[in-house]
C-alpha atoms as a PDB file:
ATOM      1  CA  UNK A   1       0.000   0.000   0.000  1.00  0.00           C
ATOM      2  CA  UNK A   2       2.716   2.469   0.994  1.00  0.00           C
ATOM      3  CA  UNK A   3       4.745   1.486  -2.070  1.00  0.00           C
ATOM      4  CA  UNK A   4       1.864   2.474  -4.356  1.00  0.00           C
ATOM      5  CA  UNK A   5       1.549   5.843  -2.635  1.00  0.00           C
ATOM      6  CA  UNK A   6       5.263   6.490  -3.092  1.00  0.00           C
ATOM      7  CA  UNK A   7       5.050   5.576  -6.787  1.00  0.00           C
ATOM      8  CA  UNK A   8       2.059   7.891  -7.316  1.00  0.00           C
ATOM      9  CA  UNK A   9       3.838  10.693  -5.457  1.00  0.00           C
ATOM     10  CA  UNK A  10       6.988  10.180  -7.543  1.00  0.00           C
ATOM     11  CA  UNK A  11       5.013  10.242 -10.810  1.00  0.00           C
ATOM     12  CA  UNK A  12       3.214  13.430  -9.730  1.00  0.00           C
ATOM     13  CA  UNK A  13       6.547  15.061  -8.811  1.00  0.00           C
ATOM     14  CA  UNK A  14       8.080  14.139 -12.185  1.00  0.00           C
ATOM     15  CA  UNK A  15       5.038  15.477 -14.060  1.00  0.00           C
ATOM     16  CA  UNK A  16       5.129  18.713 -12.058  1.00  0.00           C
ATOM     17  CA  UNK A  17       8.850  19.138 -12.720  1.00  0.00           C
ATOM     18  CA  UNK A  18       8.252  18.546 -16.441  1.00  0.00           C
ATOM     19  CA  UNK A  19       5.448  21.088 -16.466  1.00  0.00           C
ATOM     20  CA  UNK A  20       7.628  23.691 -14.746  1.00  0.00           C
ATOM     21  CA  UNK A  21      10.519  23.022 -17.140  1.00  0.00           C
ATOM     22  CA  UNK A  22       8.159  23.352 -20.106  1.00  0.00           C
ATOM     23  CA  UNK A  23       6.765  26.635 -18.788  1.00  0.00           C
ATOM     24  CA  UNK A  24      10.271  28.019 -18.263  1.00  0.00           C
ATOM     25  CA  UNK A  25      11.272  26.951 -21.771  1.00  0.00           C
ATOM     26  CA  UNK A  26       8.153  28.607 -23.200  1.00  0.00           C
ATOM     27  CA  UNK A  27       8.847  31.753 -21.183  1.00  0.00           C
ATOM     28  CA  UNK A  28      12.392  31.960 -22.552  1.00  0.00           C
ATOM     29  CA  UNK A  29      11.088  31.586 -26.121  1.00  0.00           C
ATOM     30  CA  UNK A  30       8.407  34.235 -25.597  1.00  0.00           C
ATOM     31  CA  UNK A  31      10.814  36.625 -23.853  1.00  0.00           C
ATOM     32  CA  UNK A  32      13.299  36.454 -26.729  1.00  0.00           C
ATOM     33  CA  UNK A  33      10.794  37.811 -29.234  1.00  0.00           C
ATOM     34  CA  UNK A  34      11.314  41.339 -30.540  1.00  0.00           C
ATOM     35  CA  UNK A  35       8.104  42.614 -28.973  1.00  0.00           C
ATOM     36  CA  UNK A  36       7.894  42.999 -25.199  1.00  0.00           C
ATOM     37  CA  UNK A  37       4.333  41.738 -24.847  1.00  0.00           C
ATOM     38  CA  UNK A  38       4.672  37.994 -25.596  1.00  0.00           C
ATOM     39  CA  UNK A  39       7.092  37.592 -22.708  1.00  0.00           C
ATOM     40  CA  UNK A  40       4.561  39.085 -20.307  1.00  0.00           C
ATOM     41  CA  UNK A  41       1.722  36.687 -21.207  1.00  0.00           C
ATOM     42  CA  UNK A  42       2.644  33.866 -18.801  1.00  0.00           C
ATOM     43  CA  UNK A  43       3.354  36.171 -15.809  1.00  0.00           C
ATOM     44  CA  UNK A  44      -0.001  37.889 -16.442  1.00  0.00           C
ATOM     45  CA  UNK A  45      -1.785  34.527 -16.517  1.00  0.00           C
ATOM     46  CA  UNK A  46      -0.125  33.381 -13.290  1.00  0.00           C
ATOM     47  CA  UNK A  47      -0.907  36.594 -11.413  1.00  0.00           C
ATOM     48  CA  UNK A  48      -4.530  36.506 -12.604  1.00  0.00           C
ATOM     49  CA  UNK A  49      -4.873  32.882 -11.517  1.00  0.00           C
ATOM     50  CA  UNK A  50      -3.381  33.658  -8.111  1.00  0.00           C
ATOM     51  CA  UNK A  51      -5.772  36.591  -7.670  1.00  0.00           C
ATOM     52  CA  UNK A  52      -8.678  34.357  -8.641  1.00  0.00           C
ATOM     53  CA  UNK A  53      -7.525  31.771  -6.117  1.00  0.00           C
ATOM     54  CA  UNK A  54      -7.115  34.352  -3.340  1.00  0.00           C
ATOM     55  CA  UNK A  55     -10.467  36.020  -4.007  1.00  0.00           C
ATOM     56  CA  UNK A  56     -12.183  32.634  -4.067  1.00  0.00           C
ATOM     57  CA  UNK A  57     -10.798  31.561  -0.703  1.00  0.00           C
ATOM     58  CA  UNK A  58     -13.050  31.545   2.284  1.00  0.00           C
ATOM     59  CA  UNK A  59     -11.090  32.066   5.456  1.00  0.00           C
ATOM     60  CA  UNK A  60     -12.605  31.585   8.852  1.00  0.00           C
ATOM     61  CA  UNK A  61     -10.391  33.518  11.225  1.00  0.00           C
ATOM     62  CA  UNK A  62     -10.936  35.105  14.588  1.00  0.00           C
ATOM     63  CA  UNK A  63      -9.709  38.597  13.728  1.00  0.00           C
ATOM     64  CA  UNK A  64      -9.395  40.787  10.692  1.00  0.00           C
ATOM     65  CA  UNK A  65      -5.626  40.962  11.197  1.00  0.00           C
ATOM     66  CA  UNK A  66      -5.224  37.196  11.002  1.00  0.00           C
ATOM     67  CA  UNK A  67      -7.434  37.122   7.889  1.00  0.00           C
ATOM     68  CA  UNK A  68      -5.347  39.826   6.198  1.00  0.00           C
ATOM     69  CA  UNK A  69      -2.080  38.119   7.134  1.00  0.00           C
ATOM     70  CA  UNK A  70      -3.353  34.777   5.854  1.00  0.00           C
ATOM     71  CA  UNK A  71      -4.449  36.322   2.561  1.00  0.00           C
ATOM     72  CA  UNK A  72      -1.131  38.150   2.198  1.00  0.00           C
ATOM     73  CA  UNK A  73       0.836  34.961   2.867  1.00  0.00           C
ATOM     74  CA  UNK A  74      -1.265  33.014   0.359  1.00  0.00           C
ATOM     75  CA  UNK A  75      -0.860  35.785  -2.223  1.00  0.00           C
ATOM     76  CA  UNK A  76       2.913  35.685  -1.860  1.00  0.00           C
ATOM     77  CA  UNK A  77       3.004  31.882  -2.070  1.00  0.00           C
ATOM     78  CA  UNK A  78       0.754  31.823  -5.127  1.00  0.00           C
ATOM     79  CA  UNK A  79       2.953  34.367  -6.891  1.00  0.00           C
ATOM     80  CA  UNK A  80       6.209  32.428  -6.670  1.00  0.00           C
ATOM     81  CA  UNK A  81       5.728  31.237 -10.285  1.00  0.00           C
ATOM     82  CA  UNK A  82       5.026  34.833 -11.327  1.00  0.00           C
ATOM     83  CA  UNK A  83       8.316  35.929  -9.789  1.00  0.00           C
ATOM     84  CA  UNK A  84      10.171  33.109 -11.515  1.00  0.00           C
ATOM     85  CA  UNK A  85       8.644  33.945 -14.902  1.00  0.00           C
ATOM     86  CA  UNK A  86       9.346  37.670 -14.492  1.00  0.00           C
ATOM     87  CA  UNK A  87      12.956  36.880 -13.563  1.00  0.00           C
ATOM     88  CA  UNK A  88      13.347  34.847 -16.761  1.00  0.00           C
ATOM     89  CA  UNK A  89      11.721  37.680 -18.746  1.00  0.00           C
ATOM     90  CA  UNK A  90      13.996  40.361 -17.287  1.00  0.00           C
ATOM     91  CA  UNK A  91      17.131  38.243 -17.807  1.00  0.00           C
ATOM     92  CA  UNK A  92      16.255  37.573 -21.459  1.00  0.00           C
ATOM     93  CA  UNK A  93      15.394  41.211 -22.147  1.00  0.00           C
ATOM     94  CA  UNK A  94      18.649  42.426 -20.554  1.00  0.00           C
ATOM     95  CA  UNK A  95      20.654  39.972 -22.643  1.00  0.00           C
ATOM     96  CA  UNK A  96      18.898  41.219 -25.787  1.00  0.00           C
ATOM     97  CA  UNK A  97      19.556  44.827 -24.798  1.00  0.00           C
ATOM     98  CA  UNK A  98      23.278  44.100 -24.407  1.00  0.00           C
ATOM     99  CA  UNK A  99      23.400  42.297 -27.760  1.00  0.00           C
ATOM    100  CA  UNK A 100      21.690  45.217 -29.513  1.00  0.00           C
ATOM    101  CA  UNK A 101      24.132  47.675 -27.944  1.00  0.00           C
ATOM    102  CA  UNK A 102      27.067  45.500 -29.020  1.00  0.00           C
ATOM    103  CA  UNK A 103      25.726  45.264 -32.587  1.00  0.00           C
ATOM    104  CA  UNK A 104      25.252  49.023 -32.648  1.00  0.00           C
ATOM    105  CA  UNK A 105      28.853  49.583 -31.531  1.00  0.00           C
ATOM    106  CA  UNK A 106      30.114  47.139 -34.165  1.00  0.00           C
ATOM    107  CA  UNK A 107      28.202  48.980 -36.877  1.00  0.00           C
ATOM    108  CA  UNK A 108      29.616  52.307 -35.684  1.00  0.00           C
ATOM    109  CA  UNK A 109      33.152  50.874 -35.654  1.00  0.00           C
ATOM    110  CA  UNK A 110      32.766  49.762 -39.280  1.00  0.00           C
ATOM    111  CA  UNK A 111      31.850  53.294 -40.410  1.00  0.00           C
END
């Protein structure tokens, strides 16, 4: 019985890792496009889904402060993928900016 649970858990972990790797690969491809907008699609989707999740939560807490802190903690946890995708986007855009500057200097040196 426990062996089957471990196998199911392992398969779920491998599938989740594959999904995350695929999303990162897609984000890199979208971020390398000439336009800025395609690279922002996945972060926008993840932040909208986290907001939908947070707004759909029903929290039974004793005080307003504990409710707010719980919602804030859940918001930050749900936006870890958004932060990862935005980091990939910024890194790709910075690399492109440096390449464009280098190409511009090379063209000026040839003149």
